[in-house]
Amino acid sequence: MSEQDIVDKIKNRFGDKIINISIPMKRRIIIETSPENYKEIIKYILNDLNFQFIEAISGTDMKEYFEILTLIGYGISVGVKCRIPKDKAEIDSLYDISPGVDLYEREIHDLLGIVFKGNPNLSKRVILPEDWPDGIHPLKKDYEVKHPEPLR
């Protein structure tokens, strides 16, 4: 199946649920959708288009919103991304579809504070120490690094 065949199937299946879809380079497709449709689209790509696995999940603080990008691969890499409002920083977990996402989701939660609804391990830290204060997420743009007084 070619990149264009995959794009056509996704467009036909999801229509208006797709904000944008592109083929930026050979063997790469990027889909932008809303947080409400994120999990459904990924499930379709994995199950109906027979992609094998989730390659990676990243989270980025874009100042006005958070962005989640999930890469799904099987020869061709399909990225599904969505914007998450900062005042409601949550999205459905993919844990029930693919338990291997656990560490990705926990890392993003530690560093950005995004809640992956349905991940049973989200309270276990993976990057930050166990005694790290709740609500402090070091990759958020508004995180202030406090340096101790310099020694003289």
N, C-alpha and C. Protein backbone atom coordinates (compact mmCIF):
# COMPACT_ATOMS: atom_id res chain seq x y z
N MET A 1 0.84 -1.17 0.00
CA MET A 1 0.00 0.00 0.00
C MET A 1 0.90 1.25 0.00
N SER A 2 0.59 2.19 -0.86
CA SER A 2 1.40 3.41 -0.97
C SER A 2 0.96 4.44 0.08
N GLU A 3 1.75 5.48 0.20
CA GLU A 3 1.41 6.56 1.11
C GLU A 3 0.05 7.16 0.73
N GLN A 4 -0.16 7.38 -0.56
CA GLN A 4 -1.41 7.98 -1.02
C GLN A 4 -2.60 7.06 -0.75
N ASP A 5 -2.42 5.75 -0.89
CA ASP A 5 -3.50 4.80 -0.57
C ASP A 5 -3.91 4.92 0.91
N ILE A 6 -2.92 5.03 1.77
CA ILE A 6 -3.18 5.16 3.21
C ILE A 6 -3.90 6.47 3.50
N VAL A 7 -3.43 7.56 2.90
CA VAL A 7 -4.06 8.87 3.08
C VAL A 7 -5.52 8.80 2.63
N ASP A 8 -5.77 8.20 1.48
CA ASP A 8 -7.14 8.11 0.95
C ASP A 8 -8.04 7.31 1.89
N LYS A 9 -7.54 6.19 2.41
CA LYS A 9 -8.34 5.37 3.33
C LYS A 9 -8.67 6.15 4.61
N ILE A 10 -7.68 6.85 5.14
CA ILE A 10 -7.91 7.63 6.37
C ILE A 10 -8.89 8.77 6.11
N LYS A 11 -8.74 9.47 4.99
CA LYS A 11 -9.68 10.55 4.65
C LYS A 11 -11.10 10.01 4.48
N ASN A 12 -11.23 8.89 3.79
CA ASN A 12 -12.55 8.31 3.56
C ASN A 12 -13.20 7.87 4.87
N ARG A 13 -12.42 7.33 5.77
CA ARG A 13 -12.95 6.81 7.03
C ARG A 13 -13.30 7.93 8.02
N PHE A 14 -12.45 8.96 8.09
CA PHE A 14 -12.60 9.97 9.14
C PHE A 14 -13.07 11.34 8.67
N GLY A 15 -12.96 11.64 7.40
CA GLY A 15 -13.50 12.89 6.84
C GLY A 15 -13.17 14.13 7.65
N ASP A 16 -14.20 14.76 8.22
CA ASP A 16 -14.05 16.02 8.95
C ASP A 16 -13.30 15.89 10.27
N LYS A 17 -13.06 14.67 10.72
CA LYS A 17 -12.31 14.49 11.97
C LYS A 17 -10.81 14.75 11.75
N ILE A 18 -10.42 14.85 10.49
CA ILE A 18 -9.03 15.15 10.15
C ILE A 18 -8.91 16.65 9.93
N ILE A 19 -8.04 17.30 10.68
CA ILE A 19 -7.79 18.73 10.51
C ILE A 19 -6.88 18.95 9.32
N ASN A 20 -5.85 18.12 9.23
CA ASN A 20 -4.89 18.22 8.12
C ASN A 20 -4.23 16.86 7.95
N ILE A 21 -3.86 16.54 6.71
CA ILE A 21 -3.13 15.31 6.44
C ILE A 21 -2.16 15.60 5.30
N SER A 22 -0.92 15.14 5.45
CA SER A 22 0.08 15.43 4.43
C SER A 22 1.08 14.29 4.32
N ILE A 23 1.79 14.31 3.20
CA ILE A 23 2.92 13.39 2.97
C ILE A 23 4.16 14.28 2.82
N PRO A 24 4.82 14.62 3.93
CA PRO A 24 5.94 15.57 3.85
C PRO A 24 7.19 15.01 3.19
N MET A 25 7.32 13.68 3.17
CA MET A 25 8.46 13.03 2.52
C MET A 25 8.09 11.58 2.25
N LYS A 26 8.91 10.91 1.51
CA LYS A 26 8.67 9.52 1.20
C LYS A 26 8.59 8.70 2.49
N ARG A 27 7.60 7.82 2.57
CA ARG A 27 7.40 6.90 3.69
C ARG A 27 7.03 7.60 5.00
N ARG A 28 6.43 8.79 4.90
CA ARG A 28 6.01 9.53 6.10
C ARG A 28 4.68 10.22 5.81
N ILE A 29 3.73 10.03 6.71
CA ILE A 29 2.42 10.68 6.65
C ILE A 29 2.19 11.37 7.99
N ILE A 30 1.69 12.58 7.95
CA ILE A 30 1.37 13.31 9.18
C ILE A 30 -0.11 13.66 9.15
N ILE A 31 -0.80 13.29 10.23
CA ILE A 31 -2.23 13.56 10.37
C ILE A 31 -2.41 14.46 11.59
N GLU A 32 -3.19 15.52 11.43
CA GLU A 32 -3.53 16.35 12.58
C GLU A 32 -5.01 16.18 12.85
N THR A 33 -5.34 15.95 14.11
CA THR A 33 -6.72 15.76 14.53
C THR A 33 -6.93 16.40 15.90
N SER A 34 -8.12 16.26 16.42
CA SER A 34 -8.42 16.79 17.76
C SER A 34 -8.15 15.72 18.82
N PRO A 35 -8.00 16.11 20.07
CA PRO A 35 -7.80 15.11 21.13
C PRO A 35 -8.95 14.10 21.21
N GLU A 36 -10.15 14.52 20.85
CA GLU A 36 -11.31 13.62 20.91
C GLU A 36 -11.22 12.49 19.89
N ASN A 37 -10.52 12.70 18.79
CA ASN A 37 -10.43 11.70 17.72
C ASN A 37 -9.09 10.97 17.67
N TYR A 38 -8.15 11.42 18.48
CA TYR A 38 -6.77 10.90 18.50
C TYR A 38 -6.73 9.37 18.65
N LYS A 39 -7.37 8.86 19.67
CA LYS A 39 -7.29 7.42 19.96
C LYS A 39 -8.00 6.59 18.88
N GLU A 40 -9.13 7.05 18.42
CA GLU A 40 -9.89 6.32 17.39
C GLU A 40 -9.08 6.19 16.10
N ILE A 41 -8.40 7.25 15.71
CA ILE A 41 -7.60 7.22 14.48
C ILE A 41 -6.41 6.29 14.64
N ILE A 42 -5.75 6.35 15.77
CA ILE A 42 -4.60 5.45 16.00
C ILE A 42 -5.06 3.99 16.02
N LYS A 43 -6.16 3.73 16.66
CA LYS A 43 -6.70 2.36 16.70
C LYS A 43 -6.99 1.85 15.28
N TYR A 44 -7.56 2.70 14.45
CA TYR A 44 -7.85 2.34 13.06
C TYR A 44 -6.57 2.01 12.29
N ILE A 45 -5.56 2.84 12.46
CA ILE A 45 -4.29 2.62 11.75
C ILE A 45 -3.66 1.30 12.18
N LEU A 46 -3.67 1.03 13.48
CA LEU A 46 -3.09 -0.21 13.99
C LEU A 46 -3.90 -1.44 13.57
N ASN A 47 -5.20 -1.39 13.73
CA ASN A 47 -6.03 -2.58 13.52
C ASN A 47 -6.49 -2.76 12.08
N ASP A 48 -7.04 -1.72 11.47
CA ASP A 48 -7.63 -1.85 10.14
C ASP A 48 -6.61 -1.70 9.01
N LEU A 49 -5.58 -0.88 9.23
CA LEU A 49 -4.54 -0.73 8.20
C LEU A 49 -3.35 -1.65 8.47
N ASN A 50 -3.44 -2.43 9.55
CA ASN A 50 -2.45 -3.45 9.88
C ASN A 50 -1.03 -2.94 10.12
N PHE A 51 -0.94 -1.75 10.71
CA PHE A 51 0.38 -1.28 11.13
C PHE A 51 0.77 -2.05 12.38
N GLN A 52 2.06 -2.26 12.58
CA GLN A 52 2.52 -3.19 13.59
C GLN A 52 2.70 -2.62 14.99
N PHE A 53 3.19 -1.39 15.10
CA PHE A 53 3.53 -0.92 16.45
C PHE A 53 3.62 0.60 16.52
N ILE A 54 3.54 1.09 17.73
CA ILE A 54 3.75 2.51 18.00
C ILE A 54 5.25 2.70 18.19
N GLU A 55 5.83 3.53 17.34
CA GLU A 55 7.28 3.75 17.36
C GLU A 55 7.71 4.69 18.48
N ALA A 56 6.93 5.74 18.69
CA ALA A 56 7.30 6.75 19.69
C ALA A 56 6.11 7.67 19.94
N ILE A 57 6.12 8.32 21.09
CA ILE A 57 5.17 9.38 21.40
C ILE A 57 5.97 10.53 21.99
N SER A 58 5.72 11.72 21.49
CA SER A 58 6.41 12.88 22.03
C SER A 58 5.39 13.93 22.45
N GLY A 59 5.79 14.74 23.38
CA GLY A 59 4.97 15.86 23.83
C GLY A 59 5.81 17.12 23.80
N THR A 60 5.20 18.23 23.38
CA THR A 60 5.91 19.49 23.27
C THR A 60 5.03 20.62 23.79
N ASP A 61 5.62 21.51 24.55
CA ASP A 61 4.94 22.72 24.99
C ASP A 61 5.15 23.77 23.91
N MET A 62 4.07 24.14 23.22
CA MET A 62 4.13 25.10 22.13
C MET A 62 3.73 26.51 22.59
N LYS A 63 3.83 26.78 23.85
CA LYS A 63 3.46 28.03 24.54
C LYS A 63 1.94 28.19 24.68
N GLU A 64 1.21 28.21 23.59
CA GLU A 64 -0.25 28.40 23.67
C GLU A 64 -0.99 27.08 23.92
N TYR A 65 -0.37 25.96 23.63
CA TYR A 65 -0.99 24.64 23.76
C TYR A 65 0.12 23.58 23.84
N PHE A 66 -0.26 22.37 24.20
CA PHE A 66 0.65 21.23 24.12
C PHE A 66 0.38 20.50 22.81
N GLU A 67 1.41 19.86 22.29
CA GLU A 67 1.23 19.03 21.10
C GLU A 67 1.72 17.62 21.41
N ILE A 68 0.89 16.65 21.07
CA ILE A 68 1.25 15.24 21.18
C ILE A 68 1.43 14.71 19.76
N LEU A 69 2.51 13.99 19.54
CA LEU A 69 2.77 13.35 18.25
C LEU A 69 3.06 11.88 18.50
N THR A 70 2.25 11.02 17.91
CA THR A 70 2.41 9.58 18.04
C THR A 70 2.79 9.03 16.67
N LEU A 71 3.92 8.32 16.60
CA LEU A 71 4.38 7.71 15.35
C LEU A 71 4.05 6.23 15.35
N ILE A 72 3.39 5.79 14.28
CA ILE A 72 2.99 4.40 14.13
C ILE A 72 3.70 3.87 12.89
N GLY A 73 4.34 2.72 13.01
CA GLY A 73 5.15 2.27 11.90
C GLY A 73 4.90 0.87 11.42
N TYR A 74 5.17 0.72 10.14
CA TYR A 74 5.25 -0.59 9.48
C TYR A 74 5.69 -0.33 8.06
N GLY A 75 6.95 -0.01 7.90
CA GLY A 75 7.47 0.35 6.59
C GLY A 75 7.27 1.82 6.29
N ILE A 76 6.06 2.28 6.48
CA ILE A 76 5.72 3.69 6.37
C ILE A 76 5.42 4.17 7.79
N SER A 77 5.87 5.36 8.11
CA SER A 77 5.62 5.92 9.44
C SER A 77 4.48 6.93 9.35
N VAL A 78 3.45 6.71 10.15
CA VAL A 78 2.31 7.61 10.20
C VAL A 78 2.33 8.33 11.54
N GLY A 79 2.38 9.65 11.48
CA GLY A 79 2.34 10.45 12.70
C GLY A 79 0.95 11.02 12.91
N VAL A 80 0.42 10.83 14.10
CA VAL A 80 -0.87 11.41 14.45
C VAL A 80 -0.60 12.45 15.53
N LYS A 81 -0.93 13.70 15.22
CA LYS A 81 -0.67 14.75 16.20
C LYS A 81 -1.93 15.51 16.52
N CYS A 82 -1.95 16.06 17.73
CA CYS A 82 -3.09 16.88 18.13
C CYS A 82 -2.63 17.94 19.13
N ARG A 83 -3.40 18.99 19.17
CA ARG A 83 -3.17 20.09 20.11
C ARG A 83 -4.04 19.87 21.34
N ILE A 84 -3.41 20.02 22.48
CA ILE A 84 -4.13 19.86 23.74
C ILE A 84 -4.12 21.21 24.45
N PRO A 85 -5.29 21.70 24.82
CA PRO A 85 -5.34 22.99 25.53
C PRO A 85 -4.61 22.91 26.87
N LYS A 86 -3.90 23.95 27.20
CA LYS A 86 -3.15 23.96 28.46
C LYS A 86 -4.07 23.95 29.67
N ASP A 87 -5.26 24.51 29.55
CA ASP A 87 -6.16 24.54 30.70
C ASP A 87 -6.91 23.22 30.89
N LYS A 88 -6.76 22.30 29.96
CA LYS A 88 -7.34 20.95 30.10
C LYS A 88 -6.34 19.97 29.50
N ALA A 89 -5.21 19.83 30.17
CA ALA A 89 -4.08 19.05 29.65
C ALA A 89 -4.29 17.55 29.87
N GLU A 90 -5.20 16.98 29.08
CA GLU A 90 -5.46 15.55 29.19
C GLU A 90 -5.87 14.99 27.84
N ILE A 91 -5.62 13.70 27.68
CA ILE A 91 -5.95 12.99 26.44
C ILE A 91 -6.12 11.52 26.81
N ASP A 92 -6.87 10.79 26.01
CA ASP A 92 -7.06 9.36 26.27
C ASP A 92 -5.74 8.61 26.10
N SER A 93 -5.47 7.72 27.03
CA SER A 93 -4.28 6.87 26.97
C SER A 93 -4.45 5.82 25.87
N LEU A 94 -3.33 5.40 25.32
CA LEU A 94 -3.31 4.31 24.35
C LEU A 94 -2.93 2.99 25.02
N TYR A 95 -2.81 3.00 26.34
CA TYR A 95 -2.34 1.85 27.09
C TYR A 95 -3.18 0.59 26.83
N ASP A 96 -4.50 0.74 26.72
CA ASP A 96 -5.35 -0.44 26.51
C ASP A 96 -5.21 -1.00 25.09
N ILE A 97 -4.74 -0.20 24.16
CA ILE A 97 -4.51 -0.66 22.78
C ILE A 97 -3.11 -1.27 22.67
N SER A 98 -2.14 -0.62 23.29
CA SER A 98 -0.74 -1.02 23.18
C SER A 98 -0.03 -0.70 24.50
N PRO A 99 0.06 -1.68 25.42
CA PRO A 99 0.67 -1.42 26.73
C PRO A 99 2.12 -0.92 26.65
N GLY A 100 2.77 -1.08 25.51
CA GLY A 100 4.14 -0.60 25.35
C GLY A 100 4.27 0.91 25.38
N VAL A 101 3.16 1.63 25.33
CA VAL A 101 3.21 3.09 25.39
C VAL A 101 3.38 3.61 26.81
N ASP A 102 3.34 2.73 27.77
CA ASP A 102 3.36 3.13 29.19
C ASP A 102 4.49 4.09 29.50
N LEU A 103 5.71 3.77 29.14
CA LEU A 103 6.84 4.64 29.49
C LEU A 103 6.78 5.97 28.76
N TYR A 104 6.33 5.98 27.50
CA TYR A 104 6.19 7.25 26.78
C TYR A 104 5.20 8.17 27.50
N GLU A 105 4.04 7.62 27.83
CA GLU A 105 3.00 8.43 28.47
C GLU A 105 3.44 8.91 29.85
N ARG A 106 4.10 8.06 30.60
CA ARG A 106 4.57 8.46 31.94
C ARG A 106 5.66 9.52 31.85
N GLU A 107 6.54 9.41 30.86
CA GLU A 107 7.59 10.42 30.69
C GLU A 107 6.97 11.78 30.34
N ILE A 108 6.02 11.80 29.42
CA ILE A 108 5.37 13.05 29.05
C ILE A 108 4.61 13.63 30.24
N HIS A 109 3.98 12.78 31.02
CA HIS A 109 3.27 13.24 32.22
C HIS A 109 4.25 13.86 33.21
N ASP A 110 5.37 13.19 33.46
CA ASP A 110 6.39 13.72 34.37
C ASP A 110 6.87 15.10 33.93
N LEU A 111 7.22 15.22 32.66
CA LEU A 111 7.91 16.41 32.18
C LEU A 111 7.00 17.56 31.77
N LEU A 112 5.76 17.24 31.33
CA LEU A 112 4.85 18.30 30.88
C LEU A 112 3.55 18.38 31.68
N GLY A 113 3.22 17.33 32.42
CA GLY A 113 2.01 17.34 33.22
C GLY A 113 0.75 16.93 32.47
N ILE A 114 0.88 16.43 31.25
CA ILE A 114 -0.30 15.98 30.50
C ILE A 114 -0.80 14.68 31.10
N VAL A 115 -2.09 14.61 31.34
CA VAL A 115 -2.71 13.42 31.94
C VAL A 115 -3.20 12.51 30.81
N PHE A 116 -2.75 11.26 30.84
CA PHE A 116 -3.20 10.25 29.88
C PHE A 116 -4.28 9.42 30.58
N LYS A 117 -5.54 9.77 30.31
CA LYS A 117 -6.67 9.15 30.98
C LYS A 117 -6.73 7.66 30.64
N GLY A 118 -6.70 6.82 31.69
CA GLY A 118 -6.79 5.38 31.50
C GLY A 118 -5.47 4.66 31.65
N ASN A 119 -4.36 5.37 31.80
CA ASN A 119 -3.08 4.71 32.04
C ASN A 119 -2.99 4.41 33.54
N PRO A 120 -2.96 3.11 33.91
CA PRO A 120 -2.99 2.75 35.33
C PRO A 120 -1.69 3.03 36.07
N ASN A 121 -0.63 3.35 35.36
CA ASN A 121 0.68 3.55 35.99
C ASN A 121 1.12 5.00 36.02
N LEU A 122 0.24 5.91 35.69
CA LEU A 122 0.62 7.31 35.54
C LEU A 122 1.18 7.92 36.82
N SER A 123 0.79 7.41 37.97
CA SER A 123 1.29 7.97 39.23
C SER A 123 2.72 7.54 39.55
N LYS A 124 3.24 6.54 38.84
CA LYS A 124 4.62 6.09 39.05
C LYS A 124 5.56 6.94 38.21
N ARG A 125 6.50 7.57 38.86
CA ARG A 125 7.46 8.41 38.14
C ARG A 125 8.39 7.54 37.29
N VAL A 126 8.80 8.11 36.14
CA VAL A 126 9.73 7.37 35.29
C VAL A 126 10.99 8.20 35.01
N ILE A 127 10.89 9.51 35.01
CA ILE A 127 12.03 10.38 34.75
C ILE A 127 12.45 11.13 36.00
N LEU A 128 11.49 11.76 36.65
CA LEU A 128 11.78 12.58 37.82
C LEU A 128 11.88 11.72 39.07
N PRO A 129 12.64 12.17 40.07
CA PRO A 129 12.75 11.39 41.32
C PRO A 129 11.40 11.32 42.04
N GLU A 130 11.23 10.28 42.83
CA GLU A 130 9.96 10.05 43.54
C GLU A 130 9.56 11.23 44.44
N ASP A 131 10.55 11.95 44.98
CA ASP A 131 10.23 13.06 45.88
C ASP A 131 10.07 14.40 45.15
N TRP A 132 10.01 14.37 43.83
CA TRP A 132 9.81 15.59 43.06
C TRP A 132 8.43 16.17 43.40
N PRO A 133 8.32 17.48 43.58
CA PRO A 133 7.03 18.07 43.96
C PRO A 133 5.97 17.89 42.87
N ASP A 134 4.76 17.56 43.29
CA ASP A 134 3.64 17.44 42.35
C ASP A 134 3.35 18.80 41.72
N GLY A 135 2.94 18.78 40.47
CA GLY A 135 2.56 20.01 39.77
C GLY A 135 3.72 20.78 39.18
N ILE A 136 4.94 20.32 39.38
CA ILE A 136 6.12 20.99 38.83
C ILE A 136 6.63 20.12 37.67
N HIS A 137 6.59 20.68 36.44
CA HIS A 137 6.94 19.91 35.24
C HIS A 137 8.02 20.67 34.47
N PRO A 138 9.26 20.16 34.47
CA PRO A 138 10.41 20.93 33.99
C PRO A 138 10.48 21.21 32.49
N LEU A 139 9.66 20.58 31.65
CA LEU A 139 9.70 20.92 30.22
C LEU A 139 8.59 21.88 29.80
N LYS A 140 7.83 22.36 30.77
CA LYS A 140 6.84 23.37 30.45
C LYS A 140 7.56 24.71 30.26
N LYS A 141 7.08 25.49 29.32
CA LYS A 141 7.71 26.78 29.02
C LYS A 141 7.71 27.73 30.22
N ASP A 142 6.74 27.57 31.12
CA ASP A 142 6.67 28.48 32.27
C ASP A 142 7.46 27.99 33.48
N TYR A 143 8.18 26.89 33.33
CA TYR A 143 8.99 26.37 34.44
C TYR A 143 10.18 27.30 34.66
N GLU A 144 10.37 27.71 35.92
CA GLU A 144 11.50 28.57 36.26
C GLU A 144 12.61 27.76 36.91
N VAL A 145 13.79 27.86 36.34
CA VAL A 145 14.95 27.19 36.92
C VAL A 145 15.49 28.11 38.00
N LYS A 146 15.57 27.57 39.21
CA LYS A 146 16.09 28.36 40.32
C LYS A 146 17.50 27.88 40.64
N HIS A 147 18.42 28.78 40.50
CA HIS A 147 19.81 28.47 40.77
C HIS A 147 20.19 28.90 42.17
N PRO A 148 20.97 28.09 42.85
CA PRO A 148 21.44 28.54 44.18
C PRO A 148 22.40 29.73 44.02
N GLU A 149 22.57 30.42 45.10
CA GLU A 149 23.51 31.54 45.09
C GLU A 149 24.90 31.03 44.73
N PRO A 150 25.61 31.74 43.85
CA PRO A 150 26.95 31.29 43.49
C PRO A 150 27.92 31.40 44.67
N LEU A 151 28.85 30.47 44.72
CA LEU A 151 29.88 30.52 45.75
C LEU A 151 30.93 31.56 45.37
N ARG A 152 31.43 32.27 46.35
CA ARG A 152 32.47 33.28 46.07
C ARG A 152 33.74 32.92 46.75
